[in-house]
Every structure is written in structure tokens, then in C-alpha cells.
N, C-alpha and C. Protein backbone atom coordinates (compact mmCIF):
# COMPACT_ATOMS: atom_id res chain seq x y z
N MET A 1 17.23 12.36 -3.33
CA MET A 1 16.01 12.40 -2.48
C MET A 1 15.79 11.06 -1.80
N THR A 2 15.34 11.06 -0.58
CA THR A 2 15.13 9.87 0.20
C THR A 2 13.63 9.75 0.51
N LEU A 3 13.20 8.58 1.04
CA LEU A 3 11.83 8.39 1.51
C LEU A 3 11.47 9.43 2.58
N GLU A 4 12.45 9.74 3.43
CA GLU A 4 12.24 10.69 4.47
C GLU A 4 11.92 12.10 3.88
N ASP A 5 12.65 12.45 2.81
CA ASP A 5 12.41 13.74 2.16
C ASP A 5 10.98 13.84 1.62
N LEU A 6 10.44 12.72 1.15
CA LEU A 6 9.11 12.73 0.58
C LEU A 6 8.01 13.03 1.61
N LYS A 7 8.31 12.73 2.85
CA LYS A 7 7.27 12.92 3.92
C LYS A 7 6.84 14.37 4.01
N VAL A 8 7.79 15.27 3.78
CA VAL A 8 7.47 16.70 3.84
C VAL A 8 6.44 17.04 2.80
N LYS A 9 6.64 16.52 1.59
CA LYS A 9 5.70 16.78 0.51
C LYS A 9 4.30 16.14 0.78
N TYR A 10 4.33 14.92 1.33
CA TYR A 10 3.09 14.28 1.67
C TYR A 10 2.29 15.07 2.74
N ASP A 11 3.00 15.64 3.68
CA ASP A 11 2.34 16.38 4.73
C ASP A 11 1.70 17.65 4.23
N LYS A 12 2.33 18.28 3.21
CA LYS A 12 1.76 19.48 2.59
C LYS A 12 0.50 19.12 1.87
N LEU A 13 0.45 17.98 1.20
CA LEU A 13 -0.72 17.52 0.43
C LEU A 13 -1.80 17.08 1.44
N GLN A 14 -1.45 16.55 2.58
CA GLN A 14 -2.43 16.20 3.62
C GLN A 14 -3.25 17.45 4.02
N LYS A 15 -2.58 18.54 4.18
CA LYS A 15 -3.25 19.78 4.59
C LYS A 15 -4.25 20.23 3.51
N LYS A 16 -3.92 19.93 2.27
CA LYS A 16 -4.75 20.34 1.13
C LYS A 16 -5.88 19.41 0.87
N TYR A 17 -5.63 18.07 0.94
CA TYR A 17 -6.61 17.09 0.52
C TYR A 17 -7.12 16.18 1.63
N GLY A 18 -6.50 16.15 2.77
CA GLY A 18 -6.86 15.19 3.81
C GLY A 18 -7.63 15.89 4.94
N ALA A 19 -7.95 15.06 5.93
CA ALA A 19 -8.69 15.60 7.13
C ALA A 19 -7.62 16.37 7.96
N LYS A 20 -8.02 17.57 8.34
CA LYS A 20 -7.06 18.45 9.03
C LYS A 20 -6.63 17.86 10.39
N GLU A 21 -7.52 17.08 11.01
CA GLU A 21 -7.24 16.54 12.33
C GLU A 21 -6.40 15.26 12.27
N LEU A 22 -6.08 14.77 11.07
CA LEU A 22 -5.31 13.53 10.91
C LEU A 22 -3.99 13.80 10.21
N ASP A 23 -3.03 12.83 10.43
CA ASP A 23 -1.77 12.93 9.75
C ASP A 23 -1.75 12.06 8.52
N SER A 24 -0.78 12.32 7.63
CA SER A 24 -0.52 11.47 6.49
C SER A 24 -0.11 10.10 6.93
N ILE A 25 -0.37 9.09 6.13
CA ILE A 25 0.17 7.77 6.30
C ILE A 25 1.13 7.54 5.15
N TYR A 26 2.34 7.15 5.44
CA TYR A 26 3.39 7.12 4.42
C TYR A 26 3.51 5.73 3.78
N ASN A 27 4.36 4.93 4.28
CA ASN A 27 4.69 3.62 3.68
C ASN A 27 5.44 2.79 4.70
N GLY A 28 5.80 1.56 4.37
CA GLY A 28 6.57 0.73 5.31
C GLY A 28 6.99 -0.60 4.74
N GLY A 29 7.98 -1.20 5.37
CA GLY A 29 8.44 -2.47 4.95
C GLY A 29 9.87 -2.44 4.44
N CYS A 30 10.15 -3.33 3.46
CA CYS A 30 11.51 -3.41 2.90
C CYS A 30 11.73 -2.26 1.93
N THR A 31 12.74 -1.45 2.19
CA THR A 31 12.97 -0.24 1.42
C THR A 31 14.17 -0.35 0.48
N GLU A 32 14.79 -1.52 0.46
CA GLU A 32 15.95 -1.71 -0.46
C GLU A 32 15.71 -2.91 -1.32
N ASN A 33 15.35 -2.72 -2.56
CA ASN A 33 15.16 -3.82 -3.53
C ASN A 33 14.14 -4.86 -3.05
N PRO A 34 12.95 -4.44 -2.64
CA PRO A 34 11.97 -5.43 -2.24
C PRO A 34 11.52 -6.32 -3.39
N ASP A 35 11.08 -7.53 -3.11
CA ASP A 35 10.51 -8.35 -4.16
C ASP A 35 9.25 -7.71 -4.73
N ILE A 36 8.40 -7.17 -3.87
CA ILE A 36 7.13 -6.62 -4.34
C ILE A 36 6.87 -5.28 -3.64
N CYS A 37 6.37 -4.34 -4.43
CA CYS A 37 5.80 -3.08 -3.90
C CYS A 37 4.28 -3.16 -4.10
N PHE A 38 3.51 -3.13 -3.01
CA PHE A 38 2.07 -3.17 -3.07
C PHE A 38 1.51 -1.75 -2.97
N VAL A 39 0.75 -1.32 -3.96
CA VAL A 39 0.19 0.05 -3.97
C VAL A 39 -1.35 -0.01 -3.82
N PHE A 40 -1.81 0.54 -2.70
CA PHE A 40 -3.21 0.67 -2.41
C PHE A 40 -3.73 2.08 -2.79
N MET A 41 -4.89 2.42 -2.33
CA MET A 41 -5.49 3.70 -2.75
C MET A 41 -5.11 4.87 -1.85
N ASN A 42 -5.75 4.97 -0.66
CA ASN A 42 -5.45 6.05 0.28
C ASN A 42 -5.90 5.60 1.70
N PRO A 43 -5.27 6.11 2.71
CA PRO A 43 -5.62 5.71 4.07
C PRO A 43 -6.89 6.39 4.63
N THR A 44 -7.38 5.82 5.68
CA THR A 44 -8.53 6.39 6.40
C THR A 44 -8.21 6.49 7.89
N GLY A 45 -9.07 7.13 8.59
CA GLY A 45 -8.85 7.31 10.04
C GLY A 45 -8.94 6.00 10.82
N ARG A 46 -9.35 4.89 10.18
CA ARG A 46 -9.28 3.59 10.85
C ARG A 46 -7.83 3.20 11.16
N ASN A 47 -6.91 3.75 10.41
CA ASN A 47 -5.48 3.55 10.69
C ASN A 47 -5.13 4.39 11.93
N ILE A 48 -4.92 3.76 13.05
CA ILE A 48 -4.73 4.52 14.30
C ILE A 48 -3.43 5.36 14.27
N ALA A 49 -2.50 5.04 13.33
CA ALA A 49 -1.29 5.78 13.22
C ALA A 49 -1.50 7.18 12.64
N SER A 50 -2.71 7.42 12.12
CA SER A 50 -3.01 8.74 11.56
C SER A 50 -3.36 9.76 12.65
N SER A 51 -3.53 9.29 13.89
CA SER A 51 -3.75 10.22 15.03
C SER A 51 -2.52 11.02 15.27
N LYS A 52 -2.72 12.27 15.58
CA LYS A 52 -1.61 13.16 15.87
C LYS A 52 -0.86 12.78 17.20
N GLU A 53 -1.59 11.98 18.04
CA GLU A 53 -0.99 11.50 19.29
C GLU A 53 -0.05 10.33 19.04
N TRP A 54 -0.17 9.67 17.90
CA TRP A 54 0.64 8.49 17.59
C TRP A 54 2.06 8.88 17.27
N LYS A 55 3.04 8.36 17.99
CA LYS A 55 4.44 8.74 17.83
C LYS A 55 5.26 7.67 17.13
N GLY A 56 4.63 6.55 16.79
CA GLY A 56 5.36 5.46 16.11
C GLY A 56 5.36 5.66 14.61
N ILE A 57 5.68 4.56 13.89
CA ILE A 57 5.70 4.63 12.44
C ILE A 57 4.29 4.91 11.87
N LYS A 58 4.24 5.69 10.85
CA LYS A 58 2.94 6.05 10.20
C LYS A 58 2.88 5.25 8.88
N ALA A 59 2.64 3.97 9.03
CA ALA A 59 2.65 3.04 7.89
C ALA A 59 1.19 2.54 7.61
N PRO A 60 0.94 2.06 6.40
CA PRO A 60 -0.43 1.62 6.08
C PRO A 60 -0.96 0.50 6.95
N TRP A 61 -2.27 0.53 7.14
CA TRP A 61 -3.11 -0.55 7.72
C TRP A 61 -2.81 -0.83 9.21
N ILE A 62 -2.19 0.08 9.91
CA ILE A 62 -1.97 -0.12 11.32
C ILE A 62 -3.29 0.02 12.08
N GLY A 63 -3.56 -0.98 12.90
CA GLY A 63 -4.81 -1.02 13.64
C GLY A 63 -6.01 -1.63 12.90
N THR A 64 -5.72 -2.26 11.76
CA THR A 64 -6.77 -2.90 10.99
C THR A 64 -6.49 -4.39 10.92
N LYS A 65 -7.49 -5.20 10.50
CA LYS A 65 -7.37 -6.66 10.50
C LYS A 65 -7.38 -7.23 9.10
N ASN A 66 -8.37 -6.88 8.26
CA ASN A 66 -8.71 -7.67 7.09
C ASN A 66 -7.57 -7.78 6.07
N ILE A 67 -6.83 -6.71 5.86
CA ILE A 67 -5.79 -6.77 4.81
C ILE A 67 -4.70 -7.75 5.14
N TRP A 68 -4.49 -8.03 6.39
CA TRP A 68 -3.44 -8.93 6.78
C TRP A 68 -3.78 -10.38 6.45
N ASP A 69 -5.11 -10.68 6.18
CA ASP A 69 -5.51 -11.96 5.66
C ASP A 69 -4.83 -12.20 4.34
N LEU A 70 -4.76 -11.16 3.53
CA LEU A 70 -4.14 -11.25 2.21
C LEU A 70 -2.68 -11.62 2.35
N PHE A 71 -1.94 -10.90 3.14
CA PHE A 71 -0.53 -11.13 3.25
C PHE A 71 -0.18 -12.45 3.86
N TYR A 72 -0.98 -12.90 4.85
CA TYR A 72 -0.79 -14.21 5.46
C TYR A 72 -1.06 -15.33 4.47
N SER A 73 -2.12 -15.16 3.66
CA SER A 73 -2.49 -16.18 2.67
C SER A 73 -1.41 -16.32 1.58
N LEU A 74 -0.60 -15.20 1.40
CA LEU A 74 0.47 -15.23 0.39
C LEU A 74 1.77 -15.75 0.98
N ASN A 75 1.72 -16.20 2.22
CA ASN A 75 2.95 -16.64 2.95
C ASN A 75 3.95 -15.51 3.10
N LEU A 76 3.39 -14.31 3.33
CA LEU A 76 4.26 -13.13 3.52
C LEU A 76 4.14 -12.59 4.92
N MET A 77 3.74 -13.42 5.85
CA MET A 77 3.62 -13.00 7.24
C MET A 77 3.76 -14.16 8.17
N ASP A 78 4.55 -14.03 9.18
CA ASP A 78 4.70 -15.09 10.22
C ASP A 78 3.40 -15.33 10.94
N GLU A 79 3.16 -16.57 11.30
CA GLU A 79 1.84 -16.95 11.88
C GLU A 79 1.61 -16.29 13.25
N ASN A 80 2.66 -16.17 14.03
CA ASN A 80 2.47 -15.57 15.37
C ASN A 80 2.06 -14.09 15.28
N ILE A 81 2.64 -13.35 14.30
CA ILE A 81 2.28 -11.99 14.09
C ILE A 81 0.82 -11.88 13.61
N TYR A 82 0.46 -12.71 12.65
CA TYR A 82 -0.89 -12.73 12.12
C TYR A 82 -1.91 -13.08 13.21
N ASN A 83 -1.63 -14.04 13.98
CA ASN A 83 -2.57 -14.44 15.05
C ASN A 83 -2.79 -13.33 16.03
N LYS A 84 -1.75 -12.60 16.35
CA LYS A 84 -1.90 -11.50 17.29
C LYS A 84 -2.74 -10.37 16.66
N ILE A 85 -2.52 -10.09 15.38
CA ILE A 85 -3.33 -9.05 14.72
C ILE A 85 -4.77 -9.41 14.78
N LYS A 86 -5.08 -10.70 14.58
CA LYS A 86 -6.49 -11.14 14.54
C LYS A 86 -7.11 -11.24 15.93
N SER A 87 -6.30 -11.27 16.96
CA SER A 87 -6.80 -11.49 18.34
C SER A 87 -7.00 -10.18 19.09
N ILE A 88 -6.42 -9.10 18.62
CA ILE A 88 -6.56 -7.82 19.36
C ILE A 88 -7.45 -6.82 18.63
N LYS A 89 -7.97 -5.86 19.33
CA LYS A 89 -8.77 -4.82 18.69
C LYS A 89 -7.82 -3.79 18.10
N GLY A 90 -8.35 -3.03 17.15
CA GLY A 90 -7.55 -2.04 16.47
C GLY A 90 -6.89 -1.03 17.37
N ASN A 91 -7.63 -0.60 18.42
CA ASN A 91 -7.06 0.40 19.29
C ASN A 91 -6.10 -0.17 20.34
N GLU A 92 -5.91 -1.52 20.27
CA GLU A 92 -4.95 -2.16 21.15
C GLU A 92 -3.56 -2.33 20.53
N TRP A 93 -3.41 -1.94 19.27
CA TRP A 93 -2.10 -1.91 18.67
C TRP A 93 -1.29 -0.87 19.43
N THR A 94 -0.06 -1.23 19.73
CA THR A 94 0.89 -0.27 20.31
C THR A 94 1.89 0.15 19.26
N GLU A 95 2.61 1.15 19.55
CA GLU A 95 3.67 1.60 18.64
C GLU A 95 4.70 0.53 18.51
N ALA A 96 4.97 -0.23 19.54
CA ALA A 96 5.97 -1.29 19.51
C ALA A 96 5.45 -2.46 18.66
N PHE A 97 4.15 -2.72 18.74
CA PHE A 97 3.63 -3.84 17.97
C PHE A 97 3.59 -3.47 16.45
N ALA A 98 3.27 -2.20 16.19
CA ALA A 98 3.28 -1.76 14.77
C ALA A 98 4.70 -1.94 14.20
N GLU A 99 5.70 -1.61 14.97
CA GLU A 99 7.08 -1.78 14.54
C GLU A 99 7.39 -3.28 14.33
N GLU A 100 6.83 -4.10 15.21
CA GLU A 100 7.07 -5.58 15.06
C GLU A 100 6.44 -6.09 13.77
N VAL A 101 5.24 -5.61 13.48
CA VAL A 101 4.57 -6.06 12.26
C VAL A 101 5.35 -5.67 11.03
N TYR A 102 5.83 -4.41 11.01
CA TYR A 102 6.57 -3.98 9.85
C TYR A 102 7.95 -4.54 9.75
N ASN A 103 8.51 -4.94 10.87
CA ASN A 103 9.78 -5.70 10.75
C ASN A 103 9.53 -7.02 10.11
N ASP A 104 8.36 -7.61 10.34
CA ASP A 104 7.99 -8.84 9.64
C ASP A 104 7.78 -8.61 8.18
N VAL A 105 7.15 -7.53 7.83
CA VAL A 105 6.97 -7.15 6.44
C VAL A 105 8.32 -7.03 5.78
N LYS A 106 9.22 -6.33 6.42
CA LYS A 106 10.56 -6.12 5.88
C LYS A 106 11.31 -7.45 5.72
N LYS A 107 11.14 -8.36 6.69
CA LYS A 107 11.80 -9.69 6.58
C LYS A 107 11.29 -10.47 5.40
N HIS A 108 10.05 -10.29 5.04
CA HIS A 108 9.45 -10.99 3.93
C HIS A 108 9.67 -10.26 2.60
N LYS A 109 10.42 -9.17 2.62
CA LYS A 109 10.87 -8.45 1.45
C LYS A 109 9.75 -7.85 0.59
N TYR A 110 8.85 -7.17 1.26
CA TYR A 110 7.91 -6.38 0.49
C TYR A 110 7.69 -4.99 1.13
N PHE A 111 7.07 -4.12 0.36
CA PHE A 111 6.91 -2.75 0.72
C PHE A 111 5.45 -2.39 0.47
N ILE A 112 4.83 -1.69 1.44
CA ILE A 112 3.44 -1.34 1.36
C ILE A 112 3.29 0.18 1.28
N THR A 113 2.53 0.66 0.32
CA THR A 113 2.31 2.08 0.22
C THR A 113 0.92 2.33 -0.34
N ASN A 114 0.51 3.57 -0.41
CA ASN A 114 -0.73 4.04 -1.04
C ASN A 114 -0.36 5.00 -2.17
N LEU A 115 -1.15 5.05 -3.20
CA LEU A 115 -0.96 6.09 -4.19
C LEU A 115 -1.22 7.44 -3.54
N GLY A 116 -2.33 7.61 -2.89
CA GLY A 116 -2.61 8.86 -2.17
C GLY A 116 -2.24 8.69 -0.69
N LYS A 117 -1.54 9.63 -0.15
CA LYS A 117 -1.14 9.54 1.29
C LYS A 117 -2.07 10.39 2.15
N CYS A 118 -3.07 10.99 1.55
CA CYS A 118 -3.94 11.90 2.33
C CYS A 118 -5.01 11.13 3.08
N THR A 119 -4.90 11.12 4.36
CA THR A 119 -5.84 10.37 5.21
C THR A 119 -7.18 11.10 5.30
N GLN A 120 -8.23 10.28 5.05
CA GLN A 120 -9.62 10.82 5.20
C GLN A 120 -10.23 10.25 6.43
N THR A 121 -11.28 10.85 6.97
CA THR A 121 -11.93 10.31 8.16
C THR A 121 -12.64 9.01 7.85
N ASP A 122 -13.06 8.83 6.57
CA ASP A 122 -13.80 7.62 6.21
C ASP A 122 -13.31 7.13 4.81
N ALA A 123 -14.02 6.18 4.28
CA ALA A 123 -13.58 5.55 2.99
C ALA A 123 -14.21 6.20 1.80
N ARG A 124 -14.36 7.52 1.86
CA ARG A 124 -14.99 8.22 0.74
C ARG A 124 -14.10 8.09 -0.49
N GLU A 125 -14.74 8.12 -1.67
CA GLU A 125 -14.04 7.98 -2.94
C GLU A 125 -13.38 9.28 -3.30
N LEU A 126 -12.09 9.20 -3.63
CA LEU A 126 -11.35 10.40 -4.03
C LEU A 126 -11.35 10.54 -5.55
N PRO A 127 -11.44 11.76 -6.06
CA PRO A 127 -11.43 11.95 -7.49
C PRO A 127 -10.00 11.74 -8.08
N ASN A 128 -9.98 11.40 -9.35
CA ASN A 128 -8.70 11.13 -10.00
C ASN A 128 -7.72 12.32 -9.85
N LYS A 129 -8.24 13.52 -9.87
CA LYS A 129 -7.33 14.70 -9.84
C LYS A 129 -6.55 14.79 -8.54
N VAL A 130 -7.13 14.20 -7.45
CA VAL A 130 -6.37 14.19 -6.17
C VAL A 130 -5.24 13.14 -6.24
N PHE A 131 -5.59 11.94 -6.70
CA PHE A 131 -4.59 10.89 -6.82
C PHE A 131 -3.45 11.31 -7.76
N LYS A 132 -3.79 12.05 -8.80
CA LYS A 132 -2.74 12.44 -9.75
C LYS A 132 -1.74 13.44 -9.13
N GLN A 133 -2.12 14.10 -8.04
CA GLN A 133 -1.18 14.97 -7.35
C GLN A 133 -0.05 14.18 -6.69
N TYR A 134 -0.30 12.89 -6.49
CA TYR A 134 0.67 11.99 -5.84
C TYR A 134 1.44 11.14 -6.79
N LEU A 135 1.09 11.15 -8.06
CA LEU A 135 1.66 10.21 -9.01
C LEU A 135 3.21 10.32 -9.10
N GLU A 136 3.69 11.53 -9.27
CA GLU A 136 5.14 11.67 -9.41
C GLU A 136 5.90 11.30 -8.13
N LEU A 137 5.22 11.52 -6.99
CA LEU A 137 5.84 11.14 -5.71
C LEU A 137 5.88 9.61 -5.55
N LEU A 138 4.83 8.91 -6.05
CA LEU A 138 4.90 7.45 -6.06
C LEU A 138 6.03 6.99 -6.96
N ARG A 139 6.16 7.61 -8.10
CA ARG A 139 7.23 7.19 -9.03
C ARG A 139 8.58 7.43 -8.39
N LYS A 140 8.73 8.47 -7.58
CA LYS A 140 9.98 8.69 -6.89
C LYS A 140 10.17 7.61 -5.81
N GLU A 141 9.11 7.23 -5.12
CA GLU A 141 9.21 6.08 -4.20
C GLU A 141 9.73 4.83 -4.86
N ILE A 142 9.15 4.55 -6.02
CA ILE A 142 9.55 3.32 -6.78
C ILE A 142 10.98 3.42 -7.13
N GLU A 143 11.44 4.58 -7.60
CA GLU A 143 12.84 4.77 -7.98
C GLU A 143 13.75 4.54 -6.75
N ILE A 144 13.37 5.02 -5.61
CA ILE A 144 14.18 4.91 -4.40
C ILE A 144 14.33 3.47 -3.93
N ILE A 145 13.18 2.74 -3.90
CA ILE A 145 13.20 1.39 -3.31
C ILE A 145 13.61 0.34 -4.34
N ASN A 146 13.30 0.56 -5.64
CA ASN A 146 13.71 -0.33 -6.72
C ASN A 146 13.19 -1.74 -6.54
N PRO A 147 11.86 -1.91 -6.60
CA PRO A 147 11.28 -3.26 -6.41
C PRO A 147 11.40 -4.11 -7.67
N LYS A 148 11.28 -5.39 -7.50
CA LYS A 148 11.29 -6.34 -8.64
C LYS A 148 10.00 -6.22 -9.43
N VAL A 149 8.88 -6.07 -8.69
CA VAL A 149 7.58 -6.03 -9.35
C VAL A 149 6.66 -5.17 -8.50
N ILE A 150 5.68 -4.52 -9.14
CA ILE A 150 4.73 -3.63 -8.45
C ILE A 150 3.31 -4.15 -8.69
N ILE A 151 2.59 -4.30 -7.57
CA ILE A 151 1.17 -4.74 -7.59
C ILE A 151 0.30 -3.54 -7.37
N LEU A 152 -0.56 -3.25 -8.28
CA LEU A 152 -1.49 -2.10 -8.22
C LEU A 152 -2.89 -2.68 -7.90
N PHE A 153 -3.53 -2.14 -6.84
CA PHE A 153 -4.81 -2.64 -6.39
C PHE A 153 -5.97 -1.80 -6.97
N GLY A 154 -6.84 -2.42 -7.76
CA GLY A 154 -8.04 -1.76 -8.20
C GLY A 154 -7.94 -0.99 -9.52
N ASN A 155 -9.09 -0.73 -10.13
CA ASN A 155 -9.15 -0.07 -11.43
C ASN A 155 -8.59 1.36 -11.39
N GLN A 156 -8.99 2.11 -10.34
CA GLN A 156 -8.64 3.55 -10.32
C GLN A 156 -7.14 3.76 -10.16
N VAL A 157 -6.55 3.06 -9.20
CA VAL A 157 -5.08 3.21 -8.97
C VAL A 157 -4.34 2.71 -10.20
N SER A 158 -4.77 1.58 -10.76
CA SER A 158 -4.09 1.00 -11.90
C SER A 158 -4.14 1.94 -13.14
N SER A 159 -5.28 2.53 -13.34
CA SER A 159 -5.51 3.38 -14.50
C SER A 159 -4.61 4.68 -14.37
N ILE A 160 -4.54 5.21 -13.19
CA ILE A 160 -3.76 6.43 -12.98
C ILE A 160 -2.27 6.17 -13.13
N VAL A 161 -1.80 5.09 -12.43
CA VAL A 161 -0.37 4.78 -12.48
C VAL A 161 0.07 4.39 -13.88
N LEU A 162 -0.71 3.58 -14.57
CA LEU A 162 -0.33 3.08 -15.89
C LEU A 162 -0.74 4.00 -17.00
N ASP A 163 -1.51 5.08 -16.68
CA ASP A 163 -1.91 6.09 -17.65
C ASP A 163 -2.65 5.47 -18.83
N ARG A 164 -3.56 4.58 -18.50
CA ARG A 164 -4.48 3.98 -19.50
C ARG A 164 -5.68 3.43 -18.75
N LYS A 165 -6.79 3.28 -19.42
CA LYS A 165 -7.97 2.78 -18.74
C LYS A 165 -7.76 1.28 -18.47
N ILE A 166 -7.86 0.91 -17.19
CA ILE A 166 -7.63 -0.46 -16.75
C ILE A 166 -8.92 -1.00 -16.10
N SER A 167 -9.33 -2.20 -16.58
CA SER A 167 -10.37 -2.98 -15.90
C SER A 167 -9.69 -4.25 -15.38
N VAL A 168 -9.55 -4.36 -14.08
CA VAL A 168 -8.85 -5.47 -13.51
C VAL A 168 -9.35 -6.83 -14.04
N SER A 169 -10.69 -6.94 -14.17
CA SER A 169 -11.24 -8.22 -14.60
C SER A 169 -10.79 -8.60 -16.03
N GLN A 170 -10.35 -7.61 -16.80
CA GLN A 170 -9.94 -7.90 -18.17
C GLN A 170 -8.41 -8.08 -18.33
N CYS A 171 -7.67 -7.92 -17.28
CA CYS A 171 -6.22 -7.99 -17.41
C CYS A 171 -5.56 -8.77 -16.26
N ARG A 172 -6.23 -9.80 -15.79
CA ARG A 172 -5.68 -10.61 -14.71
C ARG A 172 -4.40 -11.31 -15.21
N LYS A 173 -3.38 -11.26 -14.41
CA LYS A 173 -2.07 -11.90 -14.69
C LYS A 173 -1.40 -11.29 -15.93
N LYS A 174 -1.81 -10.09 -16.32
CA LYS A 174 -1.20 -9.46 -17.50
C LYS A 174 -0.09 -8.51 -17.08
N LEU A 175 1.06 -8.65 -17.69
CA LEU A 175 2.22 -7.78 -17.41
C LEU A 175 2.08 -6.45 -18.12
N PHE A 176 2.29 -5.37 -17.35
CA PHE A 176 2.44 -4.05 -17.90
C PHE A 176 3.83 -3.55 -17.56
N THR A 177 4.44 -2.80 -18.43
CA THR A 177 5.73 -2.23 -18.14
C THR A 177 5.69 -0.70 -18.25
N SER A 178 6.44 -0.01 -17.46
CA SER A 178 6.49 1.41 -17.52
C SER A 178 7.83 1.88 -17.06
N GLU A 179 8.35 2.94 -17.63
CA GLU A 179 9.65 3.46 -17.24
C GLU A 179 9.52 4.43 -16.06
N VAL A 180 10.45 4.31 -15.13
CA VAL A 180 10.55 5.28 -14.05
C VAL A 180 12.02 5.68 -14.01
N ASN A 181 12.28 6.93 -14.31
CA ASN A 181 13.65 7.46 -14.35
C ASN A 181 14.54 6.57 -15.22
N LYS A 182 14.03 6.26 -16.42
CA LYS A 182 14.79 5.54 -17.47
C LYS A 182 15.01 4.06 -17.13
N LYS A 183 14.34 3.56 -16.09
CA LYS A 183 14.40 2.12 -15.82
C LYS A 183 13.00 1.52 -16.00
N GLU A 184 12.92 0.39 -16.64
CA GLU A 184 11.65 -0.24 -16.89
C GLU A 184 11.23 -1.13 -15.72
N TYR A 185 10.02 -0.95 -15.23
CA TYR A 185 9.50 -1.74 -14.12
C TYR A 185 8.32 -2.55 -14.52
N LYS A 186 8.08 -3.68 -13.82
CA LYS A 186 7.01 -4.59 -14.10
C LYS A 186 5.83 -4.25 -13.19
N PHE A 187 4.63 -4.14 -13.78
CA PHE A 187 3.42 -3.84 -13.01
C PHE A 187 2.38 -4.90 -13.31
N TYR A 188 1.57 -5.23 -12.26
CA TYR A 188 0.41 -6.09 -12.45
C TYR A 188 -0.79 -5.43 -11.70
N SER A 189 -1.92 -5.51 -12.31
CA SER A 189 -3.13 -4.96 -11.72
C SER A 189 -4.00 -6.11 -11.13
N VAL A 190 -4.40 -5.97 -9.88
CA VAL A 190 -5.24 -6.99 -9.28
C VAL A 190 -6.46 -6.35 -8.55
N TYR A 191 -7.42 -7.19 -8.23
CA TYR A 191 -8.64 -6.74 -7.57
C TYR A 191 -8.28 -6.10 -6.22
N TYR A 192 -9.04 -5.02 -5.85
CA TYR A 192 -8.88 -4.45 -4.54
C TYR A 192 -9.45 -5.37 -3.49
N PRO A 193 -8.71 -5.78 -2.47
CA PRO A 193 -9.11 -6.87 -1.60
C PRO A 193 -9.81 -6.54 -0.34
N VAL A 194 -10.09 -5.29 -0.07
CA VAL A 194 -10.67 -4.89 1.21
C VAL A 194 -11.89 -4.02 0.99
N GLY A 195 -12.65 -3.71 2.07
CA GLY A 195 -13.82 -2.90 1.92
C GLY A 195 -14.87 -3.60 1.04
N ASN A 196 -15.39 -2.85 0.06
CA ASN A 196 -16.38 -3.44 -0.85
C ASN A 196 -15.74 -4.52 -1.74
N GLY A 197 -14.39 -4.44 -1.84
CA GLY A 197 -13.67 -5.40 -2.66
C GLY A 197 -13.32 -6.68 -1.94
N ARG A 198 -13.75 -6.82 -0.71
CA ARG A 198 -13.47 -8.03 0.10
C ARG A 198 -13.97 -9.28 -0.61
N ILE A 199 -15.02 -9.16 -1.35
CA ILE A 199 -15.61 -10.30 -2.07
C ILE A 199 -14.62 -10.87 -3.07
N ASN A 200 -13.65 -10.04 -3.50
CA ASN A 200 -12.69 -10.46 -4.52
C ASN A 200 -11.33 -10.86 -3.98
N ILE A 201 -11.22 -10.98 -2.65
CA ILE A 201 -9.91 -11.20 -2.08
C ILE A 201 -9.30 -12.55 -2.59
N ASP A 202 -10.13 -13.56 -2.80
CA ASP A 202 -9.56 -14.82 -3.28
C ASP A 202 -8.95 -14.64 -4.68
N LYS A 203 -9.52 -13.81 -5.54
CA LYS A 203 -9.00 -13.56 -6.85
C LYS A 203 -7.68 -12.79 -6.72
N SER A 204 -7.64 -11.83 -5.78
CA SER A 204 -6.39 -11.11 -5.54
C SER A 204 -5.27 -12.05 -5.14
N ILE A 205 -5.59 -12.92 -4.19
CA ILE A 205 -4.59 -13.90 -3.68
C ILE A 205 -4.09 -14.82 -4.84
N GLU A 206 -5.09 -15.32 -5.63
CA GLU A 206 -4.72 -16.21 -6.76
C GLU A 206 -3.76 -15.51 -7.75
N ASP A 207 -4.09 -14.25 -8.07
CA ASP A 207 -3.25 -13.54 -9.07
C ASP A 207 -1.91 -13.16 -8.53
N ILE A 208 -1.82 -12.78 -7.23
CA ILE A 208 -0.53 -12.39 -6.70
C ILE A 208 0.33 -13.65 -6.51
N LYS A 209 -0.25 -14.73 -6.12
CA LYS A 209 0.52 -16.00 -6.06
C LYS A 209 1.13 -16.33 -7.39
N TRP A 210 0.37 -16.12 -8.45
CA TRP A 210 0.86 -16.36 -9.82
C TRP A 210 2.01 -15.45 -10.12
N VAL A 211 1.91 -14.18 -9.73
CA VAL A 211 2.99 -13.24 -9.97
C VAL A 211 4.24 -13.63 -9.20
N ILE A 212 4.08 -14.00 -7.96
CA ILE A 212 5.22 -14.44 -7.12
C ILE A 212 5.88 -15.66 -7.78
N LYS A 213 5.12 -16.60 -8.22
CA LYS A 213 5.69 -17.81 -8.83
C LYS A 213 6.45 -17.48 -10.10
N ASN A 214 5.96 -16.54 -10.89
CA ASN A 214 6.53 -16.29 -12.20
C ASN A 214 7.52 -15.11 -12.28
N GLU A 215 7.50 -14.24 -11.25
CA GLU A 215 8.36 -13.10 -11.34
C GLU A 215 9.40 -12.97 -10.19
N ILE A 216 9.19 -13.66 -9.10
CA ILE A 216 10.10 -13.48 -7.94
C ILE A 216 11.10 -14.65 -7.88
């Protein structure tokens, strides 16, 4: 199975759990042995790639600004790309620029995905039962790309992926391990850095820098 094969499954789940007028958002970046796999929650319609008119890559955070502060602060983004993201409006992203951004992500050897690929019109909270429909597909993603370390954002995503109750504030810089297809992978749980979690972005940056220093 390939990442391309998984898209068919994601699209079926979009029809069941996502907004009917929007497309799934998949993943993007380095797909062969990345240093880090970053796992967020689920996309919203603010990602302009979720539009059915969008013909370019359908990767996370296209047409948004704030999350790229995190990657730039981690030295995982070239300055010229970051400056352009910050200088243009979300609807001014072109398909070519989205490709340019994700080529930069690939160059810096990381992979961006969401646990849930079902795009919602807004940032409504999804129940655990919806995210759990995507868990085995995420595990397949991890198996395919084979990252050195996986960063899980927030309590809900961390708890579902690690199959235990996680409070990020209680496990900062703590290593968790879990097997995926008989291979053990390293996981770290960090604060969610956008939306209501924006207040904690400095803690996210601090913890991820620690992981990079000690694991990469």
C-alpha cells in the first residue's frame, strides 16, 4: 500500500464525517524516512486546498499563516518562504506556491499530517470515535514513511494514538514508544500550537527543539 492508495480511503471517510462541499486534506513533505512526522488534529475550510476547485496538492495548512511560525522558529523553513507566507493573504496562495512551500518542507526532512483527514467548515471539536476511524490509516502512513520520531499535538490526538490518557502538561519531553507493524517508533506529545492553543506555542517550540537535539 502507498500514500496514494490511502487517499481513496480518506475520501470515503470525508463523505461520512466531513463537510460534503469540501475535499479531504491528506499530508505532505518528506515521504521517505523523514526526521520528524508531525501529527495534528483535523483540517478546516480555512485550508484553501480543501476547495473542490483546487487542483494542486491537498496538504495541511495551505492558505494559513500561524502554524508556519512554529516551523520557522524550529529552523525548519527557509526565511524567504516564511516571509512570503506572512506577507500574502490566505486566498493569494497559488497551487505553485503551495508546491514551493512543501518542497521546502521536504528539503528540511519532515512530514505533516493530521490524525483526522475529514475537513470541517470550521474548527468544531470532533469526538474521539471519529478520530479513531483514522487511527489504523495513520499507522499505515507511519509504516510507509518510516520517520525517526513522531510529534503528536495536543491531549486528544496523543491519547488516541498512544491508547492511554495523555495530559501534555504532565509529560513534556517524555518519550513514548509504540509498535507499528512490528517496528517500534518514538513518540512525543506536545502542546497544540494554533487556535486556542496559540498561547502555548512557545512551549511547543521549546519541547520540539529538545526532541530535535536529543533524537535527530
